[in-house]
Amino acid sequence: MARNNRRAQNRPLPKRVLILCEGETEVAYFKSYIVHNNQGRRFKAVRVEVIKPKKFTPFALFEEAKKRMNAEKGRKGLPYESVWIVFDKDQHPDIPKTFKEAHKADINIAFSVMCFEYWVLLHFEHTARAFQNCAEIVSRIKNKHYPNYQKANENFFNKVKDNVASAISRAEKVMQNYQDQLMLAKKNGI
């Protein structure tokens, strides 16, 4: 019996990650990711919360994340290994300030220019298309890939869990393409 206790004591504790999201779709995706991911114990300490301050801005989300991160540092126990805030552009004025302050506070940002559904679409296809709005992206998901798709559906991730690596690869290609275009524009004085 003592031998089993020693084994349990020698196992590393899972890392705690805090993910604060502005919307229900993001929360549903991350919660489902944790439930359906094959890595079991690794995600038992991941905490996903929806934060909707009275006056929502990305900066308010950052402030809430910083407050929670600092509160955990002061407690006995295990502080957060990393903290993430997830938000869309949505015409918020404080986005540059949010990026700057989050960087200084070591808070990670998952940012989508249009909406979180663009990330969902990347699970199915590579596209750098400039969509008009989020409804257009949802329509593409439903019409071309997943007719039963619904925002904030926690069971959705089970349908795409095998495509996460492809989605990450596609997102990296889109980001690289935009960086290449930006460098070319700067080089040409545009």
Protein backbone atom coordinates (compact mmCIF):
# COMPACT_ATOMS: atom_id res chain seq x y z
CA MET A 1 0.00 0.00 0.00
CA ALA A 2 2.81 2.42 0.88
CA ARG A 3 4.38 1.65 -2.46
CA ASN A 4 1.27 2.91 -4.33
CA ASN A 5 1.23 6.07 -2.23
CA ARG A 6 4.85 6.74 -3.13
CA ARG A 7 4.05 6.30 -6.81
CA ALA A 8 1.18 8.76 -6.51
CA GLN A 9 3.42 11.23 -4.68
CA ASN A 10 6.07 11.00 -7.40
CA ARG A 11 3.63 11.65 -10.26
CA PRO A 12 3.85 15.20 -11.51
CA LEU A 13 0.77 17.29 -10.84
CA PRO A 14 -1.15 18.37 -13.89
CA LYS A 15 -0.54 21.93 -14.96
CA ARG A 16 -3.30 24.43 -14.46
CA VAL A 17 -4.33 26.52 -17.41
CA LEU A 18 -6.93 29.27 -17.29
CA ILE A 19 -8.77 30.11 -20.51
CA LEU A 20 -11.11 33.09 -20.40
CA CYS A 21 -13.42 33.39 -23.37
CA GLU A 22 -15.76 36.10 -24.56
CA GLY A 23 -18.30 33.78 -26.14
CA GLU A 24 -20.17 30.54 -25.69
CA THR A 25 -18.81 28.91 -28.88
CA GLU A 26 -15.24 29.23 -27.63
CA VAL A 27 -16.14 27.77 -24.25
CA ALA A 28 -18.01 24.87 -25.83
CA TYR A 29 -15.04 24.11 -28.10
CA PHE A 30 -12.44 24.13 -25.32
CA LYS A 31 -14.58 22.17 -22.86
CA SER A 32 -15.30 19.57 -25.52
CA TYR A 33 -11.60 19.47 -26.45
CA ILE A 34 -10.74 18.64 -22.86
CA VAL A 35 -13.45 15.96 -22.57
CA HIS A 36 -12.72 14.26 -25.89
CA ASN A 37 -8.95 14.53 -25.89
CA ASN A 38 -7.21 11.20 -25.42
CA GLN A 39 -4.63 12.59 -23.02
CA GLY A 40 -6.89 12.10 -20.00
CA ARG A 41 -5.24 13.28 -16.81
CA ARG A 42 -3.29 15.99 -18.61
CA PHE A 43 -6.43 18.12 -18.95
CA LYS A 44 -8.07 17.50 -15.59
CA ALA A 45 -6.73 20.80 -14.26
CA VAL A 46 -7.74 22.97 -17.20
CA ARG A 47 -10.35 25.45 -16.21
CA VAL A 48 -12.46 27.18 -18.87
CA GLU A 49 -14.60 30.11 -17.90
CA VAL A 50 -16.82 32.54 -19.76
CA ILE A 51 -16.21 36.07 -18.63
CA LYS A 52 -18.68 38.72 -19.70
CA PRO A 53 -17.95 41.93 -17.82
CA LYS A 54 -20.71 44.54 -17.71
CA LYS A 55 -18.77 46.62 -20.22
CA PHE A 56 -17.10 43.98 -22.38
CA THR A 57 -13.93 44.86 -24.16
CA PRO A 58 -10.87 42.71 -24.78
CA PHE A 59 -9.09 44.90 -22.25
CA ALA A 60 -11.72 44.09 -19.59
CA LEU A 61 -11.16 40.40 -20.36
CA PHE A 62 -7.40 40.94 -19.93
CA GLU A 63 -7.96 42.71 -16.61
CA GLU A 64 -10.09 39.82 -15.34
CA ALA A 65 -7.45 37.30 -16.41
CA LYS A 66 -4.69 39.30 -14.69
CA LYS A 67 -6.76 39.59 -11.51
CA ARG A 68 -7.40 35.83 -11.42
CA MET A 69 -3.79 35.01 -12.24
CA ASN A 70 -2.49 37.25 -9.44
CA ALA A 71 -5.03 35.86 -6.96
CA GLU A 72 -3.79 32.31 -7.65
CA LYS A 73 -0.16 33.34 -7.20
CA GLY A 74 -0.94 34.49 -3.69
CA ARG A 75 -2.64 31.26 -2.62
CA LYS A 76 -1.02 28.11 -1.39
CA GLY A 77 -1.27 25.48 -4.05
CA LEU A 78 -0.60 25.38 -7.72
CA PRO A 79 -0.63 28.66 -9.70
CA TYR A 80 -1.67 28.74 -13.32
CA GLU A 81 0.97 27.47 -15.72
CA SER A 82 -0.49 29.69 -18.41
CA VAL A 83 -3.41 32.05 -18.85
CA TRP A 84 -5.22 32.65 -22.13
CA ILE A 85 -7.81 35.17 -23.24
CA VAL A 86 -9.86 34.39 -26.33
CA PHE A 87 -11.72 37.08 -28.24
CA ASP A 88 -12.80 38.32 -31.66
CA LYS A 89 -12.03 41.71 -33.17
CA ASP A 90 -15.65 42.93 -33.10
CA GLN A 91 -14.64 46.59 -33.63
CA HIS A 92 -13.22 46.93 -30.11
CA PRO A 93 -11.03 50.03 -29.72
CA ASP A 94 -8.64 48.68 -27.07
CA ILE A 95 -7.16 45.75 -28.98
CA PRO A 96 -3.62 47.19 -29.42
CA LYS A 97 -3.56 48.17 -25.74
CA THR A 98 -4.79 44.69 -24.79
CA PHE A 99 -2.03 42.99 -26.80
CA LYS A 100 0.63 45.26 -25.26
CA GLU A 101 -0.52 44.81 -21.65
CA ALA A 102 -1.14 41.06 -22.04
CA HIS A 103 2.39 40.62 -23.37
CA LYS A 104 3.82 42.47 -20.36
CA ALA A 105 1.73 40.34 -17.96
CA ASP A 106 2.62 37.04 -19.69
CA ILE A 107 -1.01 36.41 -20.67
CA ASN A 108 -1.52 34.63 -24.00
CA ILE A 109 -4.06 35.78 -26.58
CA ALA A 110 -6.06 33.73 -29.06
CA PHE A 111 -7.45 36.37 -31.39
CA SER A 112 -9.68 35.96 -34.41
CA VAL A 113 -10.20 38.82 -36.79
CA MET A 114 -13.68 37.73 -37.85
CA CYS A 115 -14.98 35.14 -35.40
CA PHE A 116 -14.06 31.90 -33.70
CA GLU A 117 -15.85 29.97 -36.44
CA TYR A 118 -12.93 30.71 -38.77
CA TRP A 119 -10.86 28.42 -36.52
CA VAL A 120 -13.64 25.83 -36.75
CA LEU A 121 -13.59 26.09 -40.57
CA LEU A 122 -9.85 25.43 -40.60
CA HIS A 123 -10.60 21.97 -39.19
CA PHE A 124 -12.19 21.18 -42.57
CA GLU A 125 -10.30 23.18 -45.19
CA HIS A 126 -7.48 25.58 -45.88
CA THR A 127 -8.78 29.01 -46.77
CA ALA A 128 -7.47 32.54 -46.57
CA ARG A 129 -10.67 33.91 -48.06
CA ALA A 130 -11.85 37.28 -46.73
CA PHE A 131 -15.31 36.53 -45.42
CA GLN A 132 -17.85 39.35 -45.05
CA ASN A 133 -19.08 38.26 -41.63
CA CYS A 134 -19.36 35.35 -39.24
CA ALA A 135 -22.69 34.20 -40.69
CA GLU A 136 -20.92 33.60 -44.01
CA ILE A 137 -18.34 31.38 -42.30
CA VAL A 138 -21.03 29.41 -40.45
CA SER A 139 -22.92 29.00 -43.72
CA ARG A 140 -19.78 27.60 -45.39
CA ILE A 141 -19.26 25.12 -42.55
CA LYS A 142 -22.89 23.97 -42.81
CA ASN A 143 -23.08 23.86 -46.61
CA LYS A 144 -19.72 22.24 -47.37
CA HIS A 145 -18.67 20.25 -44.33
CA TYR A 146 -21.01 19.80 -41.41
CA PRO A 147 -24.73 20.45 -42.01
CA ASN A 148 -25.63 20.06 -38.33
CA TYR A 149 -23.09 22.58 -37.07
CA GLN A 150 -24.41 24.89 -34.36
CA LYS A 151 -22.58 27.57 -32.43
CA ALA A 152 -21.83 26.65 -28.80
CA ASN A 153 -22.47 22.92 -29.36
CA GLU A 154 -20.29 21.02 -26.88
CA ASN A 155 -20.59 17.77 -28.87
CA PHE A 156 -19.11 19.35 -32.00
CA PHE A 157 -15.48 18.77 -31.07
CA ASN A 158 -15.98 15.01 -31.10
CA LYS A 159 -16.70 15.35 -34.84
CA VAL A 160 -13.46 17.21 -35.58
CA LYS A 161 -11.00 15.97 -32.94
CA ASP A 162 -8.97 14.09 -35.56
CA ASN A 163 -8.56 17.33 -37.56
CA VAL A 164 -6.91 19.52 -34.90
CA ALA A 165 -3.38 19.01 -36.24
CA SER A 166 -4.59 19.92 -39.74
CA ALA A 167 -6.35 23.03 -38.39
CA ILE A 168 -3.16 24.13 -36.64
CA SER A 169 -1.12 23.56 -39.80
CA ARG A 170 -3.64 25.49 -41.91
CA ALA A 171 -3.68 28.37 -39.40
CA GLU A 172 0.12 28.53 -39.50
CA LYS A 173 0.05 28.66 -43.32
CA VAL A 174 -2.53 31.47 -43.29
CA MET A 175 -0.47 33.44 -40.76
CA GLN A 176 2.72 32.91 -42.78
CA ASN A 177 0.96 34.02 -45.96
CA TYR A 178 -0.21 37.23 -44.31
CA GLN A 179 3.26 37.88 -42.88
CA ASP A 180 4.80 37.33 -46.32
CA GLN A 181 2.28 39.74 -47.89
CA LEU A 182 2.98 42.32 -45.19
CA MET A 183 6.74 42.08 -45.73
CA LEU A 184 6.28 42.42 -49.50
CA ALA A 185 4.05 45.47 -49.03
CA LYS A 186 6.60 47.09 -46.72
CA LYS A 187 9.39 46.31 -49.19
CA ASN A 188 7.39 47.94 -51.99
CA GLY A 189 6.56 50.98 -49.86
CA ILE A 190 2.87 50.22 -49.67
